[in-house]
């Protein structure tokens, strides 16, 4: 997953923005399926980037400051499952017009997805700042990165140069895993 760690900020930004821009340029009607598909692509790219940054930074920390990545991975998968459920189970119902009541699974899955995204942002920001500052980061230290993740793709544009600098600094010093 070092692919995402080596990308320049504008390359990552283009990966996030290109589907929407192309749909707009080609005047593709923004039906619910198109919007959900673009959202799925954005989510996959953003979460793959966050997974790369979070797991790489966690692996570079001293063993006593590392956390498991299982919960982080699950937190990244839950919103993807939710969006796939939305596309496969809810969007077909919209073809006959909006239902009188939304399905019972929609609100709990949405809330669980939001909680998962918050945790993934927190984990990524904390691990990145802990590695960059070479200390266990508290919220005041990583809060700027945490809030920048909320305004992606602009936040990713701002964070990625620091990710590149940290990755190249640790790679050139021989501390980073090769080909990882």
C-alpha atoms as a PDB file:
ATOM      1  CA  UNK A   1       0.000   0.000   0.000  1.00  0.00           C
ATOM      2  CA  UNK A   2       3.003   2.319  -0.221  1.00  0.00           C
ATOM      3  CA  UNK A   3       1.516   3.444  -3.547  1.00  0.00           C
ATOM      4  CA  UNK A   4      -0.667   5.964  -1.701  1.00  0.00           C
ATOM      5  CA  UNK A   5       2.210   7.102   0.492  1.00  0.00           C
ATOM      6  CA  UNK A   6       4.265   8.049  -2.569  1.00  0.00           C
ATOM      7  CA  UNK A   7       1.547   9.923  -4.467  1.00  0.00           C
ATOM      8  CA  UNK A   8       1.869  13.657  -4.825  1.00  0.00           C
ATOM      9  CA  UNK A   9      -0.923  15.733  -3.380  1.00  0.00           C
ATOM     10  CA  UNK A  10      -2.322  16.713  -6.770  1.00  0.00           C
ATOM     11  CA  UNK A  11      -2.355  13.078  -7.961  1.00  0.00           C
ATOM     12  CA  UNK A  12      -4.370  11.995  -4.944  1.00  0.00           C
ATOM     13  CA  UNK A  13      -6.648  15.022  -5.334  1.00  0.00           C
ATOM     14  CA  UNK A  14      -7.275  14.102  -8.993  1.00  0.00           C
ATOM     15  CA  UNK A  15      -8.078  10.516  -8.026  1.00  0.00           C
ATOM     16  CA  UNK A  16     -10.701  11.854  -5.638  1.00  0.00           C
ATOM     17  CA  UNK A  17     -12.159  14.537  -7.908  1.00  0.00           C
ATOM     18  CA  UNK A  18     -11.934  13.049 -11.404  1.00  0.00           C
ATOM     19  CA  UNK A  19     -15.123  10.934 -11.349  1.00  0.00           C
ATOM     20  CA  UNK A  20     -17.286  13.893 -10.330  1.00  0.00           C
ATOM     21  CA  UNK A  21     -15.568  16.247 -12.753  1.00  0.00           C
ATOM     22  CA  UNK A  22     -15.911  13.832 -15.675  1.00  0.00           C
ATOM     23  CA  UNK A  23     -19.596  13.276 -14.955  1.00  0.00           C
ATOM     24  CA  UNK A  24     -20.105  17.017 -14.862  1.00  0.00           C
ATOM     25  CA  UNK A  25     -18.099  17.607 -18.080  1.00  0.00           C
ATOM     26  CA  UNK A  26     -19.895  14.830 -19.953  1.00  0.00           C
ATOM     27  CA  UNK A  27     -23.236  16.052 -18.572  1.00  0.00           C
ATOM     28  CA  UNK A  28     -24.093  12.689 -17.059  1.00  0.00           C
ATOM     29  CA  UNK A  29     -27.413  13.066 -15.236  1.00  0.00           C
ATOM     30  CA  UNK A  30     -26.806  12.759 -11.511  1.00  0.00           C
ATOM     31  CA  UNK A  31     -29.271   9.983 -10.737  1.00  0.00           C
ATOM     32  CA  UNK A  32     -29.164   8.332  -7.303  1.00  0.00           C
ATOM     33  CA  UNK A  33     -27.199   5.414  -8.768  1.00  0.00           C
ATOM     34  CA  UNK A  34     -24.571   7.720 -10.323  1.00  0.00           C
ATOM     35  CA  UNK A  35     -24.189   9.684  -7.094  1.00  0.00           C
ATOM     36  CA  UNK A  36     -23.905   6.494  -5.024  1.00  0.00           C
ATOM     37  CA  UNK A  37     -21.365   5.031  -7.462  1.00  0.00           C
ATOM     38  CA  UNK A  38     -19.223   8.174  -7.335  1.00  0.00           C
ATOM     39  CA  UNK A  39     -19.505   8.106  -3.544  1.00  0.00           C
ATOM     40  CA  UNK A  40     -18.394   4.482  -3.484  1.00  0.00           C
ATOM     41  CA  UNK A  41     -15.347   5.278  -5.617  1.00  0.00           C
ATOM     42  CA  UNK A  42     -14.451   8.284  -3.434  1.00  0.00           C
ATOM     43  CA  UNK A  43     -14.859   6.182  -0.321  1.00  0.00           C
ATOM     44  CA  UNK A  44     -12.651   3.387  -1.681  1.00  0.00           C
ATOM     45  CA  UNK A  45      -9.850   5.798  -2.637  1.00  0.00           C
ATOM     46  CA  UNK A  46     -10.043   7.819   0.594  1.00  0.00           C
ATOM     47  CA  UNK A  47     -10.225   4.736   2.810  1.00  0.00           C
ATOM     48  CA  UNK A  48      -7.375   3.006   0.942  1.00  0.00           C
ATOM     49  CA  UNK A  49      -5.269   6.139   1.487  1.00  0.00           C
ATOM     50  CA  UNK A  50      -6.236   6.291   5.165  1.00  0.00           C
ATOM     51  CA  UNK A  51      -5.510   2.577   5.572  1.00  0.00           C
ATOM     52  CA  UNK A  52      -2.083   3.076   3.986  1.00  0.00           C
ATOM     53  CA  UNK A  53      -1.210   6.062   6.166  1.00  0.00           C
ATOM     54  CA  UNK A  54      -2.643   4.618   9.385  1.00  0.00           C
ATOM     55  CA  UNK A  55      -1.161   1.133   9.141  1.00  0.00           C
ATOM     56  CA  UNK A  56       2.227   2.324   7.877  1.00  0.00           C
ATOM     57  CA  UNK A  57       2.544   4.911  10.646  1.00  0.00           C
ATOM     58  CA  UNK A  58       1.426   2.374  13.236  1.00  0.00           C
ATOM     59  CA  UNK A  59       4.016  -0.132  12.003  1.00  0.00           C
ATOM     60  CA  UNK A  60       6.804   2.452  12.266  1.00  0.00           C
ATOM     61  CA  UNK A  61       6.015   3.358  15.891  1.00  0.00           C
ATOM     62  CA  UNK A  62       7.887   1.679  18.758  1.00  0.00           C
ATOM     63  CA  UNK A  63       6.161  -1.581  19.797  1.00  0.00           C
ATOM     64  CA  UNK A  64       4.881  -0.149  23.081  1.00  0.00           C
ATOM     65  CA  UNK A  65       3.010   2.637  21.229  1.00  0.00           C
ATOM     66  CA  UNK A  66       1.463   0.458  18.520  1.00  0.00           C
ATOM     67  CA  UNK A  67      -2.187  -0.460  18.400  1.00  0.00           C
ATOM     68  CA  UNK A  68      -3.922  -3.295  16.624  1.00  0.00           C
ATOM     69  CA  UNK A  69      -5.248  -2.559  13.170  1.00  0.00           C
ATOM     70  CA  UNK A  70      -8.243  -4.902  13.255  1.00  0.00           C
ATOM     71  CA  UNK A  71     -10.661  -2.335  14.665  1.00  0.00           C
ATOM     72  CA  UNK A  72      -9.295   0.287  12.264  1.00  0.00           C
ATOM     73  CA  UNK A  73      -9.796  -2.070   9.314  1.00  0.00           C
ATOM     74  CA  UNK A  74     -13.336  -2.925  10.425  1.00  0.00           C
ATOM     75  CA  UNK A  75     -14.073   0.788  10.839  1.00  0.00           C
ATOM     76  CA  UNK A  76     -13.045   1.344   7.224  1.00  0.00           C
ATOM     77  CA  UNK A  77     -15.098  -1.602   5.955  1.00  0.00           C
ATOM     78  CA  UNK A  78     -18.393  -0.778   7.702  1.00  0.00           C
ATOM     79  CA  UNK A  79     -19.170   2.355   5.622  1.00  0.00           C
ATOM     80  CA  UNK A  80     -18.309   0.459   2.433  1.00  0.00           C
ATOM     81  CA  UNK A  81     -20.719  -2.338   3.383  1.00  0.00           C
ATOM     82  CA  UNK A  82     -23.350   0.276   4.246  1.00  0.00           C
ATOM     83  CA  UNK A  83     -22.997   2.004   0.888  1.00  0.00           C
ATOM     84  CA  UNK A  84     -23.153  -1.311  -0.962  1.00  0.00           C
ATOM     85  CA  UNK A  85     -26.296  -2.222   0.995  1.00  0.00           C
ATOM     86  CA  UNK A  86     -27.759   1.166   0.103  1.00  0.00           C
ATOM     87  CA  UNK A  87     -27.015   0.643  -3.600  1.00  0.00           C
ATOM     88  CA  UNK A  88     -28.228  -2.956  -3.724  1.00  0.00           C
ATOM     89  CA  UNK A  89     -31.179  -2.871  -1.321  1.00  0.00           C
ATOM     90  CA  UNK A  90     -32.511   0.681  -1.150  1.00  0.00           C
ATOM     91  CA  UNK A  91     -31.914   2.257  -4.563  1.00  0.00           C
ATOM     92  CA  UNK A  92     -34.037  -0.341  -6.416  1.00  0.00           C
ATOM     93  CA  UNK A  93     -36.967   0.653  -4.182  1.00  0.00           C
ATOM     94  CA  UNK A  94     -36.639   4.255  -5.378  1.00  0.00           C
ATOM     95  CA  UNK A  95     -37.523   3.237  -8.945  1.00  0.00           C
ATOM     96  CA  UNK A  96     -41.197   3.069  -7.894  1.00  0.00           C
ATOM     97  CA  UNK A  97     -40.962   6.421  -6.103  1.00  0.00           C
ATOM     98  CA  UNK A  98     -39.817   7.159  -2.581  1.00  0.00           C
ATOM     99  CA  UNK A  99     -41.114   4.663  -0.002  1.00  0.00           C
ATOM    100  CA  UNK A 100     -43.454   5.872   2.716  1.00  0.00           C
ATOM    101  CA  UNK A 101     -41.016   4.791   5.436  1.00  0.00           C
ATOM    102  CA  UNK A 102     -37.296   4.110   5.088  1.00  0.00           C
ATOM    103  CA  UNK A 103     -36.197   0.557   5.881  1.00  0.00           C
ATOM    104  CA  UNK A 104     -35.419  -0.179   9.532  1.00  0.00           C
ATOM    105  CA  UNK A 105     -31.771  -0.988   8.835  1.00  0.00           C
ATOM    106  CA  UNK A 106     -31.012   2.394   7.255  1.00  0.00           C
ATOM    107  CA  UNK A 107     -30.696   4.628  10.340  1.00  0.00           C
ATOM    108  CA  UNK A 108     -28.666   2.233  12.549  1.00  0.00           C
ATOM    109  CA  UNK A 109     -26.315   1.423   9.659  1.00  0.00           C
ATOM    110  CA  UNK A 110     -25.918   5.120   8.911  1.00  0.00           C
ATOM    111  CA  UNK A 111     -25.096   5.920  12.536  1.00  0.00           C
ATOM    112  CA  UNK A 112     -22.668   3.004  12.773  1.00  0.00           C
ATOM    113  CA  UNK A 113     -21.015   4.157   9.540  1.00  0.00           C
ATOM    114  CA  UNK A 114     -20.620   7.701  10.851  1.00  0.00           C
ATOM    115  CA  UNK A 115     -19.085   6.411  14.083  1.00  0.00           C
ATOM    116  CA  UNK A 116     -16.731   4.223  12.046  1.00  0.00           C
ATOM    117  CA  UNK A 117     -15.645   7.159   9.887  1.00  0.00           C
ATOM    118  CA  UNK A 118     -14.964   9.285  12.990  1.00  0.00           C
ATOM    119  CA  UNK A 119     -12.851   6.491  14.451  1.00  0.00           C
ATOM    120  CA  UNK A 120     -10.948   6.010  11.170  1.00  0.00           C
ATOM    121  CA  UNK A 121     -10.218   9.759  10.978  1.00  0.00           C
ATOM    122  CA  UNK A 122      -9.104   9.743  14.628  1.00  0.00           C
ATOM    123  CA  UNK A 123      -6.862   6.679  14.177  1.00  0.00           C
ATOM    124  CA  UNK A 124      -5.237   7.977  10.977  1.00  0.00           C
ATOM    125  CA  UNK A 125      -4.610  11.460  12.363  1.00  0.00           C
ATOM    126  CA  UNK A 126      -3.287  10.185  15.696  1.00  0.00           C
ATOM    127  CA  UNK A 127      -0.910   7.627  14.206  1.00  0.00           C
ATOM    128  CA  UNK A 128       0.377  10.083  11.605  1.00  0.00           C
ATOM    129  CA  UNK A 129       1.072  12.818  14.153  1.00  0.00           C
ATOM    130  CA  UNK A 130       2.539  10.345  16.660  1.00  0.00           C
ATOM    131  CA  UNK A 131       5.069   9.231  14.070  1.00  0.00           C
ATOM    132  CA  UNK A 132       5.747  12.740  12.772  1.00  0.00           C
ATOM    133  CA  UNK A 133       6.237  14.228  16.254  1.00  0.00           C
ATOM    134  CA  UNK A 134       7.971  11.105  17.598  1.00  0.00           C
ATOM    135  CA  UNK A 135       5.764  11.138  20.695  1.00  0.00           C
ATOM    136  CA  UNK A 136       2.375   9.821  21.675  1.00  0.00           C
ATOM    137  CA  UNK A 137       0.095  12.496  20.257  1.00  0.00           C
ATOM    138  CA  UNK A 138      -2.803  13.790  22.301  1.00  0.00           C
ATOM    139  CA  UNK A 139      -5.841  15.399  20.685  1.00  0.00           C
ATOM    140  CA  UNK A 140      -4.416  18.934  20.676  1.00  0.00           C
ATOM    141  CA  UNK A 141      -1.484  17.735  18.607  1.00  0.00           C
ATOM    142  CA  UNK A 142      -3.437  15.754  16.007  1.00  0.00           C
ATOM    143  CA  UNK A 143      -6.674  17.780  15.958  1.00  0.00           C
ATOM    144  CA  UNK A 144      -5.651  19.824  12.892  1.00  0.00           C
ATOM    145  CA  UNK A 145      -5.060  16.645  10.882  1.00  0.00           C
ATOM    146  CA  UNK A 146      -8.275  15.139  12.249  1.00  0.00           C
ATOM    147  CA  UNK A 147     -10.363  18.112  11.115  1.00  0.00           C
ATOM    148  CA  UNK A 148      -8.574  18.338   7.758  1.00  0.00           C
ATOM    149  CA  UNK A 149      -9.723  14.791   7.038  1.00  0.00           C
ATOM    150  CA  UNK A 150     -13.318  15.991   7.407  1.00  0.00           C
ATOM    151  CA  UNK A 151     -12.909  18.415   4.518  1.00  0.00           C
ATOM    152  CA  UNK A 152     -11.477  15.937   2.047  1.00  0.00           C
ATOM    153  CA  UNK A 153     -10.372  16.200  -0.745  1.00  0.00           C
ATOM    154  CA  UNK A 154      -9.013  19.630   0.270  1.00  0.00           C
ATOM    155  CA  UNK A 155      -7.723  18.237   3.566  1.00  0.00           C
ATOM    156  CA  UNK A 156      -5.987  15.377   1.769  1.00  0.00           C
ATOM    157  CA  UNK A 157      -4.354  17.971  -0.520  1.00  0.00           C
ATOM    158  CA  UNK A 158      -2.933  19.679   2.581  1.00  0.00           C
ATOM    159  CA  UNK A 159      -1.943  16.519   4.491  1.00  0.00           C
ATOM    160  CA  UNK A 160      -0.361  14.514   1.646  1.00  0.00           C
ATOM    161  CA  UNK A 161       2.852  16.613   1.316  1.00  0.00           C
ATOM    162  CA  UNK A 162       3.565  15.933   4.998  1.00  0.00           C
ATOM    163  CA  UNK A 163       2.898  12.231   4.431  1.00  0.00           C
ATOM    164  CA  UNK A 164       5.304  12.278   1.460  1.00  0.00           C
ATOM    165  CA  UNK A 165       7.981  14.081   3.464  1.00  0.00           C
ATOM    166  CA  UNK A 166       7.699  11.691   6.409  1.00  0.00           C
ATOM    167  CA  UNK A 167       7.670   8.609   4.168  1.00  0.00           C
ATOM    168  CA  UNK A 168      10.706   9.732   2.156  1.00  0.00           C
ATOM    169  CA  UNK A 169      12.597  10.811   5.282  1.00  0.00           C
ATOM    170  CA  UNK A 170      12.079   7.442   6.959  1.00  0.00           C
ATOM    171  CA  UNK A 171      12.700   5.514   3.741  1.00  0.00           C
ATOM    172  CA  UNK A 172      15.971   7.295   3.044  1.00  0.00           C
ATOM    173  CA  UNK A 173      17.139   6.707   6.616  1.00  0.00           C
ATOM    174  CA  UNK A 174      16.441   2.993   6.220  1.00  0.00           C
ATOM    175  CA  UNK A 175      13.631   2.913   8.778  1.00  0.00           C
ATOM    176  CA  UNK A 176      10.777   2.213   6.344  1.00  0.00           C
ATOM    177  CA  UNK A 177       9.825  -1.167   5.047  1.00  0.00           C
ATOM    178  CA  UNK A 178      10.876  -1.770   1.472  1.00  0.00           C
ATOM    179  CA  UNK A 179       8.222  -2.270  -1.200  1.00  0.00           C
ATOM    180  CA  UNK A 180       5.545  -2.212   1.478  1.00  0.00           C
END
